[in-house]
């Protein structure tokens, strides 16, 4: 009885081997499967050591920025901090440096006012201005898009301060002030 079971088992495996290795198409598919399994296993090995996070930067003190000051935070500095302005507000997007850092898909926005580029859905250098951009030539749909982007950045990133217009003086923030008190102070200045 054991001899016949060996013959049946041996016959099954020999038929399976003949089927798998008998056709060039099957050999190609086996090679692809083997390669994919290798990539999955090797990616798990390489991703485990990189799981160690680099230390987070301390929060940046709330402050207002000129375009020139903003450009210093393009992710290439010693700290690697990245700031982006959207609709007159400056956000710390350092935690999103995969996207906004050097070499990232939106790296050209780092240290810049990205409002026009976001409003026009443009990733070209032409959409970024070297001077203050009041966005006055944008149509209502584009301005609505800028406001939506501003809301998304507000939800995801830390608000740092305002992007200053030429000649505008920065506000003096205390450690306990929030954005609402800044807006109230600006309204008070206008009414006086």
C-alpha atoms as a PDB file:
ATOM      1  CA  UNK A   1       0.000   0.000   0.000  1.00  0.00           C
ATOM      2  CA  UNK A   2       2.834   2.399   0.742  1.00  0.00           C
ATOM      3  CA  UNK A   3       4.368   1.685  -2.690  1.00  0.00           C
ATOM      4  CA  UNK A   4       1.204   2.768  -4.516  1.00  0.00           C
ATOM      5  CA  UNK A   5       0.872   5.941  -2.422  1.00  0.00           C
ATOM      6  CA  UNK A   6       4.475   6.844  -3.292  1.00  0.00           C
ATOM      7  CA  UNK A   7       3.687   6.318  -6.955  1.00  0.00           C
ATOM      8  CA  UNK A   8       0.581   8.510  -6.726  1.00  0.00           C
ATOM      9  CA  UNK A   9       2.451  11.247  -4.798  1.00  0.00           C
ATOM     10  CA  UNK A  10       5.467  11.040  -7.069  1.00  0.00           C
ATOM     11  CA  UNK A  11       3.219  11.147 -10.120  1.00  0.00           C
ATOM     12  CA  UNK A  12       1.433  14.235  -8.864  1.00  0.00           C
ATOM     13  CA  UNK A  13       4.639  16.177  -8.229  1.00  0.00           C
ATOM     14  CA  UNK A  14       6.203  15.132 -11.507  1.00  0.00           C
ATOM     15  CA  UNK A  15       3.053  16.235 -13.375  1.00  0.00           C
ATOM     16  CA  UNK A  16       3.044  19.532 -11.470  1.00  0.00           C
ATOM     17  CA  UNK A  17       6.726  20.123 -12.239  1.00  0.00           C
ATOM     18  CA  UNK A  18       6.216  19.239 -15.896  1.00  0.00           C
ATOM     19  CA  UNK A  19       3.263  21.626 -16.099  1.00  0.00           C
ATOM     20  CA  UNK A  20       5.070  24.519 -14.351  1.00  0.00           C
ATOM     21  CA  UNK A  21       8.404  24.197 -16.153  1.00  0.00           C
ATOM     22  CA  UNK A  22       7.151  22.819 -19.492  1.00  0.00           C
ATOM     23  CA  UNK A  23       5.932  26.102 -20.947  1.00  0.00           C
ATOM     24  CA  UNK A  24       7.973  29.292 -21.540  1.00  0.00           C
ATOM     25  CA  UNK A  25       4.955  31.345 -20.458  1.00  0.00           C
ATOM     26  CA  UNK A  26       4.741  29.488 -17.159  1.00  0.00           C
ATOM     27  CA  UNK A  27       8.480  29.941 -16.613  1.00  0.00           C
ATOM     28  CA  UNK A  28       8.127  33.692 -17.199  1.00  0.00           C
ATOM     29  CA  UNK A  29       5.209  33.902 -14.759  1.00  0.00           C
ATOM     30  CA  UNK A  30       7.181  31.942 -12.155  1.00  0.00           C
ATOM     31  CA  UNK A  31      10.097  34.326 -12.614  1.00  0.00           C
ATOM     32  CA  UNK A  32       7.841  37.370 -12.149  1.00  0.00           C
ATOM     33  CA  UNK A  33       6.266  35.839  -9.026  1.00  0.00           C
ATOM     34  CA  UNK A  34       9.696  35.069  -7.608  1.00  0.00           C
ATOM     35  CA  UNK A  35      10.904  38.606  -8.308  1.00  0.00           C
ATOM     36  CA  UNK A  36       7.829  40.145  -6.660  1.00  0.00           C
ATOM     37  CA  UNK A  37       8.231  37.952  -3.582  1.00  0.00           C
ATOM     38  CA  UNK A  38      11.894  38.957  -3.397  1.00  0.00           C
ATOM     39  CA  UNK A  39      10.979  42.698  -3.627  1.00  0.00           C
ATOM     40  CA  UNK A  40       8.349  42.363  -0.896  1.00  0.00           C
ATOM     41  CA  UNK A  41      10.738  40.597   1.458  1.00  0.00           C
ATOM     42  CA  UNK A  42      13.661  42.932   0.740  1.00  0.00           C
ATOM     43  CA  UNK A  43      11.506  46.067   1.148  1.00  0.00           C
ATOM     44  CA  UNK A  44      10.439  44.891   4.590  1.00  0.00           C
ATOM     45  CA  UNK A  45      14.054  44.449   5.583  1.00  0.00           C
ATOM     46  CA  UNK A  46      15.115  47.891   4.366  1.00  0.00           C
ATOM     47  CA  UNK A  47      12.102  49.753   5.759  1.00  0.00           C
ATOM     48  CA  UNK A  48      12.527  48.505   9.332  1.00  0.00           C
ATOM     49  CA  UNK A  49      15.805  50.345  10.080  1.00  0.00           C
ATOM     50  CA  UNK A  50      14.470  53.577   8.594  1.00  0.00           C
ATOM     51  CA  UNK A  51      11.524  53.438  10.979  1.00  0.00           C
ATOM     52  CA  UNK A  52      13.607  55.483  13.429  1.00  0.00           C
ATOM     53  CA  UNK A  53      12.153  58.978  13.112  1.00  0.00           C
ATOM     54  CA  UNK A  54      14.386  61.980  13.028  1.00  0.00           C
ATOM     55  CA  UNK A  55      13.735  64.319  15.940  1.00  0.00           C
ATOM     56  CA  UNK A  56      10.990  66.893  15.451  1.00  0.00           C
ATOM     57  CA  UNK A  57      12.002  70.513  15.371  1.00  0.00           C
ATOM     58  CA  UNK A  58      10.871  72.703  18.248  1.00  0.00           C
ATOM     59  CA  UNK A  59       7.865  74.873  17.374  1.00  0.00           C
ATOM     60  CA  UNK A  60       8.738  78.087  15.634  1.00  0.00           C
ATOM     61  CA  UNK A  61       7.794  81.236  17.539  1.00  0.00           C
ATOM     62  CA  UNK A  62       4.803  82.975  15.999  1.00  0.00           C
ATOM     63  CA  UNK A  63       6.013  85.785  13.754  1.00  0.00           C
ATOM     64  CA  UNK A  64       5.302  87.586  10.506  1.00  0.00           C
ATOM     65  CA  UNK A  65       7.521  87.251   7.431  1.00  0.00           C
ATOM     66  CA  UNK A  66       8.570  89.255   4.435  1.00  0.00           C
ATOM     67  CA  UNK A  67       9.093  87.330   1.202  1.00  0.00           C
ATOM     68  CA  UNK A  68      12.861  87.552   1.743  1.00  0.00           C
ATOM     69  CA  UNK A  69      12.599  86.106   5.261  1.00  0.00           C
ATOM     70  CA  UNK A  70      10.276  83.361   4.032  1.00  0.00           C
ATOM     71  CA  UNK A  71      12.821  82.239   1.405  1.00  0.00           C
ATOM     72  CA  UNK A  72      15.247  81.270   4.184  1.00  0.00           C
ATOM     73  CA  UNK A  73      12.890  78.427   5.130  1.00  0.00           C
ATOM     74  CA  UNK A  74      13.107  76.347   1.972  1.00  0.00           C
ATOM     75  CA  UNK A  75      14.214  73.126   3.680  1.00  0.00           C
ATOM     76  CA  UNK A  76      17.854  73.544   2.637  1.00  0.00           C
ATOM     77  CA  UNK A  77      18.968  75.332   5.799  1.00  0.00           C
ATOM     78  CA  UNK A  78      20.667  73.835   8.844  1.00  0.00           C
ATOM     79  CA  UNK A  79      17.367  72.981  10.558  1.00  0.00           C
ATOM     80  CA  UNK A  80      15.627  71.863   7.386  1.00  0.00           C
ATOM     81  CA  UNK A  81      12.497  73.815   8.328  1.00  0.00           C
ATOM     82  CA  UNK A  82      10.027  74.497   5.509  1.00  0.00           C
ATOM     83  CA  UNK A  83       7.532  77.361   5.469  1.00  0.00           C
ATOM     84  CA  UNK A  84       4.942  78.103   2.795  1.00  0.00           C
ATOM     85  CA  UNK A  85       2.617  81.093   2.477  1.00  0.00           C
ATOM     86  CA  UNK A  86      -0.970  80.606   1.318  1.00  0.00           C
ATOM     87  CA  UNK A  87      -3.383  83.517   1.002  1.00  0.00           C
ATOM     88  CA  UNK A  88      -1.298  85.774   3.232  1.00  0.00           C
ATOM     89  CA  UNK A  89      -0.747  83.179   5.957  1.00  0.00           C
ATOM     90  CA  UNK A  90       2.545  81.403   6.650  1.00  0.00           C
ATOM     91  CA  UNK A  91       2.502  77.717   7.610  1.00  0.00           C
ATOM     92  CA  UNK A  92       5.214  75.409   8.907  1.00  0.00           C
ATOM     93  CA  UNK A  93       4.995  72.402   6.573  1.00  0.00           C
ATOM     94  CA  UNK A  94       8.194  70.732   7.779  1.00  0.00           C
ATOM     95  CA  UNK A  95       6.298  67.573   8.749  1.00  0.00           C
ATOM     96  CA  UNK A  96       5.306  67.276   5.077  1.00  0.00           C
ATOM     97  CA  UNK A  97       8.867  67.552   3.783  1.00  0.00           C
ATOM     98  CA  UNK A  98       8.419  64.471   1.576  1.00  0.00           C
ATOM     99  CA  UNK A  99       6.142  66.693  -0.505  1.00  0.00           C
ATOM    100  CA  UNK A 100       7.447  70.211   0.105  1.00  0.00           C
ATOM    101  CA  UNK A 101      11.126  69.572   0.760  1.00  0.00           C
ATOM    102  CA  UNK A 102      13.979  69.693  -1.728  1.00  0.00           C
ATOM    103  CA  UNK A 103      13.325  67.134  -4.447  1.00  0.00           C
ATOM    104  CA  UNK A 104       9.690  66.691  -3.396  1.00  0.00           C
ATOM    105  CA  UNK A 105       6.849  67.009  -5.910  1.00  0.00           C
ATOM    106  CA  UNK A 106       5.886  70.421  -4.456  1.00  0.00           C
ATOM    107  CA  UNK A 107       9.417  71.446  -3.441  1.00  0.00           C
ATOM    108  CA  UNK A 108       9.267  74.593  -5.554  1.00  0.00           C
ATOM    109  CA  UNK A 109       6.681  75.969  -3.059  1.00  0.00           C
ATOM    110  CA  UNK A 110       9.049  75.775  -0.084  1.00  0.00           C
ATOM    111  CA  UNK A 111      10.043  79.158   1.247  1.00  0.00           C
ATOM    112  CA  UNK A 112       7.640  80.848  -1.162  1.00  0.00           C
ATOM    113  CA  UNK A 113       4.115  82.233  -1.486  1.00  0.00           C
ATOM    114  CA  UNK A 114       2.310  79.341  -3.188  1.00  0.00           C
ATOM    115  CA  UNK A 115      -1.076  81.092  -3.460  1.00  0.00           C
ATOM    116  CA  UNK A 116      -1.051  81.782  -7.207  1.00  0.00           C
ATOM    117  CA  UNK A 117       0.322  78.351  -8.067  1.00  0.00           C
ATOM    118  CA  UNK A 118      -2.346  76.653  -5.962  1.00  0.00           C
ATOM    119  CA  UNK A 119      -5.106  78.867  -7.382  1.00  0.00           C
ATOM    120  CA  UNK A 120      -4.122  78.094 -10.975  1.00  0.00           C
ATOM    121  CA  UNK A 121      -3.105  74.462 -10.327  1.00  0.00           C
ATOM    122  CA  UNK A 122       0.330  75.196 -11.753  1.00  0.00           C
ATOM    123  CA  UNK A 123       3.621  73.596 -10.772  1.00  0.00           C
ATOM    124  CA  UNK A 124       5.769  75.899 -12.883  1.00  0.00           C
ATOM    125  CA  UNK A 125       8.194  78.552 -11.693  1.00  0.00           C
ATOM    126  CA  UNK A 126       6.143  81.122 -13.660  1.00  0.00           C
ATOM    127  CA  UNK A 127       3.321  80.824 -11.134  1.00  0.00           C
ATOM    128  CA  UNK A 128       5.601  81.918  -8.272  1.00  0.00           C
ATOM    129  CA  UNK A 129       6.349  85.612  -7.883  1.00  0.00           C
ATOM    130  CA  UNK A 130       9.487  87.179  -6.461  1.00  0.00           C
ATOM    131  CA  UNK A 131       7.550  90.256  -5.336  1.00  0.00           C
ATOM    132  CA  UNK A 132       4.505  90.435  -3.089  1.00  0.00           C
ATOM    133  CA  UNK A 133       1.480  89.120  -5.002  1.00  0.00           C
ATOM    134  CA  UNK A 134      -1.871  90.628  -4.011  1.00  0.00           C
ATOM    135  CA  UNK A 135      -3.700  88.103  -6.253  1.00  0.00           C
ATOM    136  CA  UNK A 136      -5.991  90.903  -7.477  1.00  0.00           C
ATOM    137  CA  UNK A 137      -5.996  89.581 -11.043  1.00  0.00           C
ATOM    138  CA  UNK A 138      -7.363  86.155 -10.088  1.00  0.00           C
ATOM    139  CA  UNK A 139     -10.978  85.383 -10.928  1.00  0.00           C
ATOM    140  CA  UNK A 140     -13.543  84.403  -8.290  1.00  0.00           C
ATOM    141  CA  UNK A 141     -13.114  80.667  -8.926  1.00  0.00           C
ATOM    142  CA  UNK A 142      -9.359  80.914  -8.462  1.00  0.00           C
ATOM    143  CA  UNK A 143      -9.774  82.958  -5.268  1.00  0.00           C
ATOM    144  CA  UNK A 144     -12.195  80.356  -3.926  1.00  0.00           C
ATOM    145  CA  UNK A 145      -9.561  77.716  -4.694  1.00  0.00           C
ATOM    146  CA  UNK A 146      -6.946  79.710  -2.742  1.00  0.00           C
ATOM    147  CA  UNK A 147      -9.301  79.935   0.253  1.00  0.00           C
ATOM    148  CA  UNK A 148      -9.909  76.172   0.113  1.00  0.00           C
ATOM    149  CA  UNK A 149      -6.153  75.540   0.058  1.00  0.00           C
ATOM    150  CA  UNK A 150      -5.753  77.920   2.985  1.00  0.00           C
ATOM    151  CA  UNK A 151      -8.336  75.921   4.955  1.00  0.00           C
ATOM    152  CA  UNK A 152      -6.563  72.651   4.151  1.00  0.00           C
ATOM    153  CA  UNK A 153      -3.216  74.047   5.273  1.00  0.00           C
ATOM    154  CA  UNK A 154      -4.840  75.438   8.440  1.00  0.00           C
ATOM    155  CA  UNK A 155      -6.202  71.987   9.295  1.00  0.00           C
ATOM    156  CA  UNK A 156      -2.997  70.094   8.565  1.00  0.00           C
ATOM    157  CA  UNK A 157      -0.086  72.410   9.415  1.00  0.00           C
ATOM    158  CA  UNK A 158       0.931  74.907  12.083  1.00  0.00           C
ATOM    159  CA  UNK A 159       0.064  78.555  11.408  1.00  0.00           C
ATOM    160  CA  UNK A 160       3.168  80.680  12.064  1.00  0.00           C
ATOM    161  CA  UNK A 161       2.135  84.210  11.100  1.00  0.00           C
ATOM    162  CA  UNK A 162       1.317  86.526   8.226  1.00  0.00           C
ATOM    163  CA  UNK A 163       3.074  87.222   4.966  1.00  0.00           C
ATOM    164  CA  UNK A 164       3.816  90.935   5.140  1.00  0.00           C
ATOM    165  CA  UNK A 165       2.939  93.337   2.355  1.00  0.00           C
ATOM    166  CA  UNK A 166       5.715  95.753   1.324  1.00  0.00           C
ATOM    167  CA  UNK A 167       6.083  98.420   3.992  1.00  0.00           C
ATOM    168  CA  UNK A 168       3.865  96.557   6.490  1.00  0.00           C
ATOM    169  CA  UNK A 169       5.304  96.156   9.975  1.00  0.00           C
ATOM    170  CA  UNK A 170       5.327  92.762  11.700  1.00  0.00           C
ATOM    171  CA  UNK A 171       3.075  92.233  14.693  1.00  0.00           C
ATOM    172  CA  UNK A 172       4.639  91.681  18.099  1.00  0.00           C
ATOM    173  CA  UNK A 173       3.255  88.345  19.268  1.00  0.00           C
ATOM    174  CA  UNK A 174       3.288  87.138  22.839  1.00  0.00           C
ATOM    175  CA  UNK A 175       3.678  83.459  23.662  1.00  0.00           C
ATOM    176  CA  UNK A 176       0.010  83.133  24.611  1.00  0.00           C
ATOM    177  CA  UNK A 177      -1.596  84.878  21.636  1.00  0.00           C
ATOM    178  CA  UNK A 178      -3.528  82.973  19.054  1.00  0.00           C
ATOM    179  CA  UNK A 179      -4.533  83.814  15.497  1.00  0.00           C
ATOM    180  CA  UNK A 180      -7.903  85.193  16.599  1.00  0.00           C
ATOM    181  CA  UNK A 181      -6.324  87.769  18.869  1.00  0.00           C
ATOM    182  CA  UNK A 182      -4.029  88.821  16.009  1.00  0.00           C
ATOM    183  CA  UNK A 183      -7.023  89.415  13.764  1.00  0.00           C
ATOM    184  CA  UNK A 184      -8.788  91.384  16.544  1.00  0.00           C
ATOM    185  CA  UNK A 185      -5.674  93.545  17.047  1.00  0.00           C
ATOM    186  CA  UNK A 186      -5.530  94.283  13.299  1.00  0.00           C
ATOM    187  CA  UNK A 187      -9.228  95.239  13.305  1.00  0.00           C
ATOM    188  CA  UNK A 188      -8.614  97.512  16.310  1.00  0.00           C
ATOM    189  CA  UNK A 189      -5.738  99.237  14.476  1.00  0.00           C
ATOM    190  CA  UNK A 190      -7.947  99.874  11.445  1.00  0.00           C
ATOM    191  CA  UNK A 191     -10.770 101.334  13.538  1.00  0.00           C
ATOM    192  CA  UNK A 192      -8.371 103.751  15.358  1.00  0.00           C
END
